[in-house]
Full PDB file with SEQRES, HELIX, SHEET, SSBOND, CRYST1, ORIGX, SCALE, CONECT and MASTER records, all heavy atoms in Angstrom:
SEQRES   1 A   40  GLY LEU ALA LEU TRP ASN PHE ALA PHE LEU ASP LYS GLN          
SEQRES   2 A   40  PRO PHE GLN ALA ASP PRO ALA ARG ASP GLU PRO LEU ASN          
SEQRES   3 A   40  ARG GLY ALA TYR LEU VAL GLN GLY LEU GLY HIS CYS GLY          
SEQRES   4 A   40  SER                                                          
HELIX    1 AA1 LEU A    2  PHE A    9  1                                   8    
HELIX    2 AA2 GLU A   23  TYR A   30  1                                   8    
HELIX    3 AA3 LEU A   31  LEU A   35  3                                   5    
CRYST1    1.000    1.000    1.000  90.00  90.00  90.00 P 1           1          
ORIGX1      1.000000  0.000000  0.000000        0.00000                         
ORIGX2      0.000000  1.000000  0.000000        0.00000                         
ORIGX3      0.000000  0.000000  1.000000        0.00000                         
SCALE1      1.000000  0.000000  0.000000        0.00000                         
SCALE2      0.000000  1.000000  0.000000        0.00000                         
SCALE3      0.000000  0.000000  1.000000        0.00000                         
ATOM      1  N   GLY A   1     122.659  34.255 -68.411  1.00  0.00           N  
ATOM      2  CA  GLY A   1     123.497  34.752 -69.497  1.00  0.00           C  
ATOM      3  C   GLY A   1     123.533  33.806 -70.684  1.00  0.00           C  
ATOM      4  O   GLY A   1     123.845  34.218 -71.810  1.00  0.00           O  
ATOM      5  N   LEU A   2     123.203  32.510 -70.450  1.00  0.00           N  
ATOM      6  CA  LEU A   2     123.210  31.546 -71.543  1.00  0.00           C  
ATOM      7  C   LEU A   2     122.104  31.811 -72.547  1.00  0.00           C  
ATOM      8  O   LEU A   2     122.213  31.438 -73.719  1.00  0.00           O  
ATOM      9  CB  LEU A   2     123.094  30.126 -70.974  1.00  0.00           C  
ATOM     10  CG  LEU A   2     124.304  29.680 -70.133  1.00  0.00           C  
ATOM     11  CD1 LEU A   2     123.991  28.380 -69.414  1.00  0.00           C  
ATOM     12  CD2 LEU A   2     125.533  29.519 -71.017  1.00  0.00           C  
ATOM     13  N   ALA A   3     121.022  32.462 -72.093  1.00  0.00           N  
ATOM     14  CA  ALA A   3     119.962  32.832 -73.035  1.00  0.00           C  
ATOM     15  C   ALA A   3     120.492  33.841 -74.052  1.00  0.00           C  
ATOM     16  O   ALA A   3     120.172  33.790 -75.243  1.00  0.00           O  
ATOM     17  CB  ALA A   3     118.765  33.403 -72.279  1.00  0.00           C  
ATOM     18  N   LEU A   4     121.335  34.758 -73.565  1.00  0.00           N  
ATOM     19  CA  LEU A   4     121.962  35.712 -74.474  1.00  0.00           C  
ATOM     20  C   LEU A   4     122.934  35.003 -75.407  1.00  0.00           C  
ATOM     21  O   LEU A   4     123.049  35.352 -76.589  1.00  0.00           O  
ATOM     22  CB  LEU A   4     122.691  36.796 -73.671  1.00  0.00           C  
ATOM     23  CG  LEU A   4     121.820  37.649 -72.738  1.00  0.00           C  
ATOM     24  CD1 LEU A   4     122.692  38.634 -71.961  1.00  0.00           C  
ATOM     25  CD2 LEU A   4     120.754  38.390 -73.552  1.00  0.00           C  
ATOM     26  N   TRP A   5     123.642  34.015 -74.868  1.00  0.00           N  
ATOM     27  CA  TRP A   5     124.571  33.237 -75.695  1.00  0.00           C  
ATOM     28  C   TRP A   5     123.805  32.547 -76.822  1.00  0.00           C  
ATOM     29  O   TRP A   5     124.229  32.570 -77.978  1.00  0.00           O  
ATOM     30  CB  TRP A   5     125.283  32.208 -74.821  1.00  0.00           C  
ATOM     31  CG  TRP A   5     126.445  31.508 -75.484  1.00  0.00           C  
ATOM     32  CD1 TRP A   5     127.752  31.846 -75.400  1.00  0.00           C  
ATOM     33  CD2 TRP A   5     126.383  30.348 -76.327  1.00  0.00           C  
ATOM     34  NE1 TRP A   5     128.528  30.985 -76.135  1.00  0.00           N  
ATOM     35  CE2 TRP A   5     127.710  30.052 -76.718  1.00  0.00           C  
ATOM     36  CE3 TRP A   5     125.351  29.539 -76.798  1.00  0.00           C  
ATOM     37  CZ2 TRP A   5     128.034  28.979 -77.550  1.00  0.00           C  
ATOM     38  CZ3 TRP A   5     125.663  28.474 -77.637  1.00  0.00           C  
ATOM     39  CH2 TRP A   5     126.988  28.198 -77.999  1.00  0.00           C  
ATOM     40  N   ASN A   6     122.671  31.947 -76.484  1.00  0.00           N  
ATOM     41  CA  ASN A   6     121.868  31.284 -77.510  1.00  0.00           C  
ATOM     42  C   ASN A   6     121.388  32.278 -78.563  1.00  0.00           C  
ATOM     43  O   ASN A   6     121.379  31.982 -79.764  1.00  0.00           O  
ATOM     44  CB  ASN A   6     120.662  30.589 -76.874  1.00  0.00           C  
ATOM     45  CG  ASN A   6     121.055  29.311 -76.143  1.00  0.00           C  
ATOM     46  OD1 ASN A   6     122.167  28.820 -76.286  1.00  0.00           O  
ATOM     47  ND2 ASN A   6     120.128  28.779 -75.355  1.00  0.00           N  
ATOM     48  N   PHE A   7     120.986  33.446 -78.102  1.00  0.00           N  
ATOM     49  CA  PHE A   7     120.497  34.458 -79.033  1.00  0.00           C  
ATOM     50  C   PHE A   7     121.594  34.847 -80.028  1.00  0.00           C  
ATOM     51  O   PHE A   7     121.335  35.047 -81.215  1.00  0.00           O  
ATOM     52  CB  PHE A   7     120.024  35.699 -78.270  1.00  0.00           C  
ATOM     53  CG  PHE A   7     119.559  36.822 -79.157  1.00  0.00           C  
ATOM     54  CD1 PHE A   7     118.293  36.779 -79.743  1.00  0.00           C  
ATOM     55  CD2 PHE A   7     120.386  37.899 -79.433  1.00  0.00           C  
ATOM     56  CE1 PHE A   7     117.869  37.806 -80.585  1.00  0.00           C  
ATOM     57  CE2 PHE A   7     119.974  38.928 -80.260  1.00  0.00           C  
ATOM     58  CZ  PHE A   7     118.702  38.882 -80.847  1.00  0.00           C  
ATOM     59  N   ALA A   8     122.827  34.921 -79.534  1.00  0.00           N  
ATOM     60  CA  ALA A   8     123.928  35.365 -80.375  1.00  0.00           C  
ATOM     61  C   ALA A   8     124.480  34.265 -81.276  1.00  0.00           C  
ATOM     62  O   ALA A   8     124.879  34.530 -82.417  1.00  0.00           O  
ATOM     63  CB  ALA A   8     125.050  35.929 -79.508  1.00  0.00           C  
ATOM     64  N   PHE A   9     124.468  33.015 -80.787  1.00  0.00           N  
ATOM     65  CA  PHE A   9     125.235  31.992 -81.498  1.00  0.00           C  
ATOM     66  C   PHE A   9     124.447  30.761 -81.929  1.00  0.00           C  
ATOM     67  O   PHE A   9     124.935  29.993 -82.757  1.00  0.00           O  
ATOM     68  CB  PHE A   9     126.407  31.529 -80.625  1.00  0.00           C  
ATOM     69  CG  PHE A   9     127.333  32.627 -80.217  1.00  0.00           C  
ATOM     70  CD1 PHE A   9     127.483  32.971 -78.874  1.00  0.00           C  
ATOM     71  CD2 PHE A   9     128.052  33.343 -81.167  1.00  0.00           C  
ATOM     72  CE1 PHE A   9     128.340  33.988 -78.493  1.00  0.00           C  
ATOM     73  CE2 PHE A   9     128.914  34.359 -80.789  1.00  0.00           C  
ATOM     74  CZ  PHE A   9     129.055  34.686 -79.458  1.00  0.00           C  
ATOM     75  N   LEU A  10     123.268  30.537 -81.390  1.00  0.00           N  
ATOM     76  CA  LEU A  10     122.553  29.296 -81.698  1.00  0.00           C  
ATOM     77  C   LEU A  10     121.760  29.416 -82.993  1.00  0.00           C  
ATOM     78  O   LEU A  10     120.943  30.311 -83.151  1.00  0.00           O  
ATOM     79  CB  LEU A  10     121.609  28.923 -80.551  1.00  0.00           C  
ATOM     80  CG  LEU A  10     120.755  27.663 -80.778  1.00  0.00           C  
ATOM     81  CD1 LEU A  10     121.648  26.437 -80.966  1.00  0.00           C  
ATOM     82  CD2 LEU A  10     119.784  27.459 -79.624  1.00  0.00           C  
ATOM     83  N   ASP A  11     122.031  28.498 -83.906  1.00  0.00           N  
ATOM     84  CA  ASP A  11     121.272  28.388 -85.153  1.00  0.00           C  
ATOM     85  C   ASP A  11     120.439  27.116 -85.061  1.00  0.00           C  
ATOM     86  O   ASP A  11     120.970  26.006 -85.103  1.00  0.00           O  
ATOM     87  CB  ASP A  11     122.221  28.326 -86.346  1.00  0.00           C  
ATOM     88  CG  ASP A  11     121.479  28.188 -87.680  1.00  0.00           C  
ATOM     89  OD1 ASP A  11     120.227  28.213 -87.674  1.00  0.00           O  
ATOM     90  OD2 ASP A  11     122.154  28.051 -88.710  1.00  0.00           O  
ATOM     91  N   LYS A  12     119.115  27.266 -84.926  1.00  0.00           N  
ATOM     92  CA  LYS A  12     118.230  26.115 -84.740  1.00  0.00           C  
ATOM     93  C   LYS A  12     117.786  25.489 -86.058  1.00  0.00           C  
ATOM     94  O   LYS A  12     116.970  24.573 -86.072  1.00  0.00           O  
ATOM     95  CB  LYS A  12     117.004  26.536 -83.924  1.00  0.00           C  
ATOM     96  CG  LYS A  12     117.347  26.920 -82.493  1.00  0.00           C  
ATOM     97  CD  LYS A  12     116.112  27.275 -81.698  1.00  0.00           C  
ATOM     98  CE  LYS A  12     115.559  28.643 -82.104  1.00  0.00           C  
ATOM     99  NZ  LYS A  12     114.430  29.050 -81.235  1.00  0.00           N  
ATOM    100  N   GLN A  13     118.337  25.968 -87.148  1.00  0.00           N  
ATOM    101  CA  GLN A  13     117.958  25.457 -88.459  1.00  0.00           C  
ATOM    102  C   GLN A  13     118.456  24.023 -88.629  1.00  0.00           C  
ATOM    103  O   GLN A  13     119.645  23.749 -88.501  1.00  0.00           O  
ATOM    104  CB  GLN A  13     118.573  26.336 -89.553  1.00  0.00           C  
ATOM    105  CG  GLN A  13     118.302  25.879 -90.973  1.00  0.00           C  
ATOM    106  CD  GLN A  13     116.844  26.084 -91.383  1.00  0.00           C  
ATOM    107  OE1 GLN A  13     116.145  26.923 -90.830  1.00  0.00           O  
ATOM    108  NE2 GLN A  13     116.389  25.309 -92.339  1.00  0.00           N  
ATOM    109  N   PRO A  14     117.567  23.047 -88.899  1.00  0.00           N  
ATOM    110  CA  PRO A  14     118.013  21.669 -89.141  1.00  0.00           C  
ATOM    111  C   PRO A  14     118.918  21.592 -90.364  1.00  0.00           C  
ATOM    112  O   PRO A  14     118.958  22.499 -91.190  1.00  0.00           O  
ATOM    113  CB  PRO A  14     116.703  20.905 -89.367  1.00  0.00           C  
ATOM    114  CG  PRO A  14     115.655  21.742 -88.724  1.00  0.00           C  
ATOM    115  CD  PRO A  14     116.096  23.157 -88.906  1.00  0.00           C  
ATOM    116  N   PHE A  15     119.628  20.507 -90.461  1.00  0.00           N  
ATOM    117  CA  PHE A  15     120.563  20.311 -91.568  1.00  0.00           C  
ATOM    118  C   PHE A  15     119.835  20.377 -92.906  1.00  0.00           C  
ATOM    119  O   PHE A  15     118.771  19.789 -93.086  1.00  0.00           O  
ATOM    120  CB  PHE A  15     121.259  18.959 -91.432  1.00  0.00           C  
ATOM    121  CG  PHE A  15     122.164  18.622 -92.579  1.00  0.00           C  
ATOM    122  CD1 PHE A  15     123.447  19.139 -92.626  1.00  0.00           C  
ATOM    123  CD2 PHE A  15     121.727  17.796 -93.615  1.00  0.00           C  
ATOM    124  CE1 PHE A  15     124.296  18.837 -93.692  1.00  0.00           C  
ATOM    125  CE2 PHE A  15     122.566  17.487 -94.678  1.00  0.00           C  
ATOM    126  CZ  PHE A  15     123.856  18.014 -94.710  1.00  0.00           C  
ATOM    127  N   GLN A  16     120.425  21.095 -93.833  1.00  0.00           N  
ATOM    128  CA  GLN A  16     119.895  21.196 -95.183  1.00  0.00           C  
ATOM    129  C   GLN A  16     120.894  20.582 -96.149  1.00  0.00           C  
ATOM    130  O   GLN A  16     122.064  20.976 -96.182  1.00  0.00           O  
ATOM    131  CB  GLN A  16     119.651  22.667 -95.557  1.00  0.00           C  
ATOM    132  CG  GLN A  16     118.610  23.366 -94.698  1.00  0.00           C  
ATOM    133  CD  GLN A  16     117.221  22.784 -94.899  1.00  0.00           C  
ATOM    134  OE1 GLN A  16     116.818  22.487 -96.031  1.00  0.00           O  
ATOM    135  NE2 GLN A  16     116.480  22.631 -93.802  1.00  0.00           N  
ATOM    136  N   ALA A  17     120.447  19.615 -96.909  1.00  0.00           N  
ATOM    137  CA  ALA A  17     121.326  18.970 -97.883  1.00  0.00           C  
ATOM    138  C   ALA A  17     121.755  19.968 -98.950  1.00  0.00           C  
ATOM    139  O   ALA A  17     120.988  20.852 -99.350  1.00  0.00           O  
ATOM    140  CB  ALA A  17     120.621  17.784 -98.528  1.00  0.00           C  
ATOM    141  N   ASP A  18     122.994  19.827 -99.385  1.00  0.00           N  
ATOM    142  CA  ASP A  18     123.543  20.671-100.442  1.00  0.00           C  
ATOM    143  C   ASP A  18     123.269  19.999-101.774  1.00  0.00           C  
ATOM    144  O   ASP A  18     123.765  18.894-102.032  1.00  0.00           O  
ATOM    145  CB  ASP A  18     125.050  20.847-100.224  1.00  0.00           C  
ATOM    146  CG  ASP A  18     125.678  21.803-101.219  1.00  0.00           C  
ATOM    147  OD1 ASP A  18     125.053  22.097-102.255  1.00  0.00           O  
ATOM    148  OD2 ASP A  18     126.815  22.245-100.963  1.00  0.00           O  
ATOM    149  N   PRO A  19     122.485  20.634-102.649  1.00  0.00           N  
ATOM    150  CA  PRO A  19     122.157  19.994-103.932  1.00  0.00           C  
ATOM    151  C   PRO A  19     123.379  19.742-104.803  1.00  0.00           C  
ATOM    152  O   PRO A  19     123.315  18.918-105.731  1.00  0.00           O  
ATOM    153  CB  PRO A  19     121.198  20.999-104.587  1.00  0.00           C  
ATOM    154  CG  PRO A  19     121.448  22.295-103.888  1.00  0.00           C  
ATOM    155  CD  PRO A  19     121.834  21.940-102.507  1.00  0.00           C  
ATOM    156  N   ALA A  20     124.487  20.415-104.520  1.00  0.00           N  
ATOM    157  CA  ALA A  20     125.696  20.203-105.312  1.00  0.00           C  
ATOM    158  C   ALA A  20     126.447  18.944-104.876  1.00  0.00           C  
ATOM    159  O   ALA A  20     127.404  18.533-105.537  1.00  0.00           O  
ATOM    160  CB  ALA A  20     126.622  21.417-105.188  1.00  0.00           C  
ATOM    161  N   ARG A  21     126.027  18.336-103.767  1.00  0.00           N  
ATOM    162  CA  ARG A  21     126.681  17.126-103.274  1.00  0.00           C  
ATOM    163  C   ARG A  21     125.795  15.918-103.507  1.00  0.00           C  
ATOM    164  O   ARG A  21     124.562  16.021-103.483  1.00  0.00           O  
ATOM    165  CB  ARG A  21     126.977  17.248-101.775  1.00  0.00           C  
ATOM    166  CG  ARG A  21     128.053  18.271-101.422  1.00  0.00           C  
ATOM    167  CD  ARG A  21     128.110  18.499 -99.932  1.00  0.00           C  
ATOM    168  NE  ARG A  21     129.274  19.288 -99.551  1.00  0.00           N  
ATOM    169  CZ  ARG A  21     129.364  19.998 -98.444  1.00  0.00           C  
ATOM    170  NH1 ARG A  21     128.347  20.015 -97.573  1.00  0.00           N  
ATOM    171  NH2 ARG A  21     130.450  20.687 -98.177  1.00  0.00           N  
ATOM    172  N   ASP A  22     126.411  14.756-103.700  1.00  0.00           N  
ATOM    173  CA  ASP A  22     125.606  13.553-103.853  1.00  0.00           C  
ATOM    174  C   ASP A  22     125.083  13.118-102.487  1.00  0.00           C  
ATOM    175  O   ASP A  22     125.446  13.668-101.439  1.00  0.00           O  
ATOM    176  CB  ASP A  22     126.397  12.440-104.537  1.00  0.00           C  
ATOM    177  CG  ASP A  22     127.644  12.012-103.765  1.00  0.00           C  
ATOM    178  OD1 ASP A  22     127.684  12.188-102.536  1.00  0.00           O  
ATOM    179  OD2 ASP A  22     128.588  11.504-104.398  1.00  0.00           O  
ATOM    180  N   GLU A  23     124.239  12.110-102.485  1.00  0.00           N  
ATOM    181  CA  GLU A  23     123.570  11.699-101.250  1.00  0.00           C  
ATOM    182  C   GLU A  23     124.537  11.212-100.172  1.00  0.00           C  
ATOM    183  O   GLU A  23     124.430  11.622 -99.007  1.00  0.00           O  
ATOM    184  CB  GLU A  23     122.539  10.607-101.559  1.00  0.00           C  
ATOM    185  CG  GLU A  23     121.710  10.192-100.341  1.00  0.00           C  
ATOM    186  CD  GLU A  23     120.624   9.183-100.697  1.00  0.00           C  
ATOM    187  OE1 GLU A  23     120.320   9.030-101.899  1.00  0.00           O  
ATOM    188  OE2 GLU A  23     120.092   8.566 -99.767  1.00  0.00           O  
ATOM    189  N   PRO A  24     125.525  10.356-100.510  1.00  0.00           N  
ATOM    190  CA  PRO A  24     126.465   9.936 -99.466  1.00  0.00           C  
ATOM    191  C   PRO A  24     127.267  11.103 -98.887  1.00  0.00           C  
ATOM    192  O   PRO A  24     127.542  11.133 -97.680  1.00  0.00           O  
ATOM    193  CB  PRO A  24     127.384   8.940-100.194  1.00  0.00           C  
ATOM    194  CG  PRO A  24     126.567   8.434-101.329  1.00  0.00           C  
ATOM    195  CD  PRO A  24     125.736   9.599-101.764  1.00  0.00           C  
ATOM    196  N   LEU A  25     127.648  12.068 -99.718  1.00  0.00           N  
ATOM    197  CA  LEU A  25     128.416  13.206 -99.217  1.00  0.00           C  
ATOM    198  C   LEU A  25     127.565  14.057 -98.277  1.00  0.00           C  
ATOM    199  O   LEU A  25     128.042  14.549 -97.256  1.00  0.00           O  
ATOM    200  CB  LEU A  25     128.936  14.038-100.386  1.00  0.00           C  
ATOM    201  CG  LEU A  25     130.178  14.900-100.114  1.00  0.00           C  
ATOM    202  CD1 LEU A  25     131.337  14.039 -99.635  1.00  0.00           C  
ATOM    203  CD2 LEU A  25     130.580  15.660-101.366  1.00  0.00           C  
ATOM    204  N   ASN A  26     126.294  14.221 -98.620  1.00  0.00           N  
ATOM    205  CA  ASN A  26     125.387  14.941 -97.720  1.00  0.00           C  
ATOM    206  C   ASN A  26     125.172  14.164 -96.425  1.00  0.00           C  
ATOM    207  O   ASN A  26     125.075  14.758 -95.349  1.00  0.00           O  
ATOM    208  CB  ASN A  26     124.048  15.199 -98.417  1.00  0.00           C  
ATOM    209  CG  ASN A  26     124.050  16.485 -99.219  1.00  0.00           C  
ATOM    210  OD1 ASN A  26     124.455  17.539 -98.726  1.00  0.00           O  
ATOM    211  ND2 ASN A  26     123.587  16.416-100.462  1.00  0.00           N  
ATOM    212  N   ARG A  27     125.116  12.847 -96.525  1.00  0.00           N  
ATOM    213  CA  ARG A  27     124.988  12.030 -95.322  1.00  0.00           C  
ATOM    214  C   ARG A  27     126.207  12.234 -94.419  1.00  0.00           C  
ATOM    215  O   ARG A  27     126.081  12.408 -93.196  1.00  0.00           O  
ATOM    216  CB  ARG A  27     124.860  10.553 -95.698  1.00  0.00           C  
ATOM    217  CG  ARG A  27     124.893   9.568 -94.522  1.00  0.00           C  
ATOM    218  CD  ARG A  27     123.685   9.680 -93.632  1.00  0.00           C  
ATOM    219  NE  ARG A  27     123.693   8.638 -92.610  1.00  0.00           N  
ATOM    220  CZ  ARG A  27     122.829   8.560 -91.598  1.00  0.00           C  
ATOM    221  NH1 ARG A  27     121.872   9.483 -91.472  1.00  0.00           N  
ATOM    222  NH2 ARG A  27     122.888   7.578 -90.724  1.00  0.00           N  
ATOM    223  N   GLY A  28     127.395  12.254 -95.008  1.00  0.00           N  
ATOM    224  CA  GLY A  28     128.600  12.492 -94.233  1.00  0.00           C  
ATOM    225  C   GLY A  28     128.585  13.850 -93.565  1.00  0.00           C  
ATOM    226  O   GLY A  28     128.954  13.991 -92.388  1.00  0.00           O  
ATOM    227  N   ALA A  29     128.142  14.881 -94.312  1.00  0.00           N  
ATOM    228  CA  ALA A  29     128.070  16.229 -93.744  1.00  0.00           C  
ATOM    229  C   ALA A  29     127.071  16.269 -92.593  1.00  0.00           C  
ATOM    230  O   ALA A  29     127.330  16.898 -91.550  1.00  0.00           O  
ATOM    231  CB  ALA A  29     127.680  17.223 -94.832  1.00  0.00           C  
ATOM    232  N   TYR A  30     125.945  15.597 -92.737  1.00  0.00           N  
ATOM    233  CA  TYR A  30     124.926  15.554 -91.681  1.00  0.00           C  
ATOM    234  C   TYR A  30     125.482  14.906 -90.410  1.00  0.00           C  
ATOM    235  O   TYR A  30     125.294  15.415 -89.296  1.00  0.00           O  
ATOM    236  CB  TYR A  30     123.713  14.776 -92.180  1.00  0.00           C  
ATOM    237  CG  TYR A  30     122.701  14.430 -91.110  1.00  0.00           C  
ATOM    238  CD1 TYR A  30     121.900  15.408 -90.517  1.00  0.00           C  
ATOM    239  CD2 TYR A  30     122.542  13.110 -90.683  1.00  0.00           C  
ATOM    240  CE1 TYR A  30     120.972  15.088 -89.532  1.00  0.00           C  
ATOM    241  CE2 TYR A  30     121.616  12.773 -89.703  1.00  0.00           C  
ATOM    242  CZ  TYR A  30     120.841  13.765 -89.120  1.00  0.00           C  
ATOM    243  OH  TYR A  30     119.926  13.437 -88.145  1.00  0.00           O  
ATOM    244  N   LEU A  31     126.183  13.797 -90.580  1.00  0.00           N  
ATOM    245  CA  LEU A  31     126.711  13.095 -89.412  1.00  0.00           C  
ATOM    246  C   LEU A  31     127.820  13.890 -88.729  1.00  0.00           C  
ATOM    247  O   LEU A  31     127.881  13.957 -87.494  1.00  0.00           O  
ATOM    248  CB  LEU A  31     127.239  11.719 -89.830  1.00  0.00           C  
ATOM    249  CG  LEU A  31     126.179  10.719 -90.302  1.00  0.00           C  
ATOM    250  CD1 LEU A  31     126.839   9.458 -90.838  1.00  0.00           C  
ATOM    251  CD2 LEU A  31     125.202  10.376 -89.184  1.00  0.00           C  
ATOM    252  N   VAL A  32     128.695  14.497 -89.495  1.00  0.00           N  
ATOM    253  CA  VAL A  32     129.811  15.249 -88.926  1.00  0.00           C  
ATOM    254  C   VAL A  32     129.321  16.523 -88.246  1.00  0.00           C  
ATOM    255  O   VAL A  32     129.708  16.850 -87.125  1.00  0.00           O  
ATOM    256  CB  VAL A  32     130.852  15.580 -90.007  1.00  0.00           C  
ATOM    257  CG1 VAL A  32     131.890  16.577 -89.488  1.00  0.00           C  
ATOM    258  CG2 VAL A  32     131.542  14.306 -90.482  1.00  0.00           C  
ATOM    259  N   GLN A  33     128.450  17.246 -88.921  1.00  0.00           N  
ATOM    260  CA  GLN A  33     127.986  18.530 -88.400  1.00  0.00           C  
ATOM    261  C   GLN A  33     126.958  18.368 -87.290  1.00  0.00           C  
ATOM    262  O   GLN A  33     126.857  19.207 -86.395  1.00  0.00           O  
ATOM    263  CB  GLN A  33     127.375  19.361 -89.525  1.00  0.00           C  
ATOM    264  CG  GLN A  33     128.358  19.765 -90.608  1.00  0.00           C  
ATOM    265  CD  GLN A  33     127.682  20.471 -91.772  1.00  0.00           C  
ATOM    266  OE1 GLN A  33     126.569  21.001 -91.645  1.00  0.00           O  
ATOM    267  NE2 GLN A  33     128.334  20.472 -92.925  1.00  0.00           N  
ATOM    268  N   GLY A  34     126.180  17.282 -87.350  1.00  0.00           N  
ATOM    269  CA  GLY A  34     125.090  17.094 -86.407  1.00  0.00           C  
ATOM    270  C   GLY A  34     125.394  16.082 -85.321  1.00  0.00           C  
ATOM    271  O   GLY A  34     126.033  16.392 -84.313  1.00  0.00           O  
ATOM    272  N   LEU A  35     124.942  14.840 -85.532  1.00  0.00           N  
ATOM    273  CA  LEU A  35     125.078  13.827 -84.489  1.00  0.00           C  
ATOM    274  C   LEU A  35     126.520  13.615 -84.041  1.00  0.00           C  
ATOM    275  O   LEU A  35     126.803  13.471 -82.852  1.00  0.00           O  
ATOM    276  CB  LEU A  35     124.489  12.504 -84.993  1.00  0.00           C  
ATOM    277  CG  LEU A  35     122.973  12.384 -84.858  1.00  0.00           C  
ATOM    278  CD1 LEU A  35     122.440  11.273 -85.744  1.00  0.00           C  
ATOM    279  CD2 LEU A  35     122.605  12.132 -83.406  1.00  0.00           C  
ATOM    280  N   GLY A  36     127.458  13.616 -84.979  1.00  0.00           N  
ATOM    281  CA  GLY A  36     128.853  13.384 -84.617  1.00  0.00           C  
ATOM    282  C   GLY A  36     129.468  14.532 -83.843  1.00  0.00           C  
ATOM    283  O   GLY A  36     130.486  14.349 -83.166  1.00  0.00           O  
ATOM    284  N   HIS A  37     128.868  15.722 -83.954  1.00  0.00           N  
ATOM    285  CA  HIS A  37     129.328  16.950 -83.292  1.00  0.00           C  
ATOM    286  C   HIS A  37     130.852  17.059 -83.264  1.00  0.00           C  
ATOM    287  O   HIS A  37     131.460  17.422 -82.258  1.00  0.00           O  
ATOM    288  CB  HIS A  37     128.742  17.082 -81.873  1.00  0.00           C  
ATOM    289  CG  HIS A  37     129.021  15.937 -80.937  1.00  0.00           C  
ATOM    290  ND1 HIS A  37     128.272  14.798 -80.903  1.00  0.00           N  
ATOM    291  CD2 HIS A  37     129.977  15.766 -79.992  1.00  0.00           C  
ATOM    292  CE1 HIS A  37     128.732  13.974 -79.987  1.00  0.00           C  
ATOM    293  NE2 HIS A  37     129.788  14.559 -79.410  1.00  0.00           N  
ATOM    294  N   CYS A  38     131.469  16.766 -84.405  1.00  0.00           N  
ATOM    295  CA  CYS A  38     132.935  16.780 -84.491  1.00  0.00           C  
ATOM    296  C   CYS A  38     133.495  18.164 -84.196  1.00  0.00           C  
ATOM    297  O   CYS A  38     134.585  18.302 -83.637  1.00  0.00           O  
ATOM    298  CB  CYS A  38     133.392  16.326 -85.875  1.00  0.00           C  
ATOM    299  SG  CYS A  38     132.784  14.686 -86.341  1.00  0.00           S  
ATOM    300  N   GLY A  39     132.736  19.195 -84.570  1.00  0.00           N  
ATOM    301  CA  GLY A  39     133.208  20.548 -84.344  1.00  0.00           C  
ATOM    302  C   GLY A  39     133.346  20.914 -82.887  1.00  0.00           C  
ATOM    303  O   GLY A  39     134.073  21.859 -82.546  1.00  0.00           O  
ATOM    304  N   SER A  40     132.689  20.188 -81.991  1.00  0.00           N  
ATOM    305  CA  SER A  40     132.782  20.503 -80.559  1.00  0.00           C  
ATOM    306  C   SER A  40     134.220  20.472 -80.068  1.00  0.00           C  
ATOM    307  O   SER A  40     134.582  21.211 -79.149  1.00  0.00           O  
ATOM    308  CB  SER A  40     131.948  19.506 -79.744  1.00  0.00           C  
ATOM    309  OG  SER A  40     130.579  19.654 -80.019  1.00  0.00           O  
TER     310      SER A  40                                                      
MASTER        0    0    0    3    0    0    0    6  309    1    0    4          
END                                                                             
């Protein structure tokens, strides 16, 4: 059933920097959303 879960909810797209943000802000977003997995 986890394969179905992945199909429904998994986004495999790597982090994309937001051009409206400066480099440090994008770095913070990358760490929080990715490696830091704060949303977990």
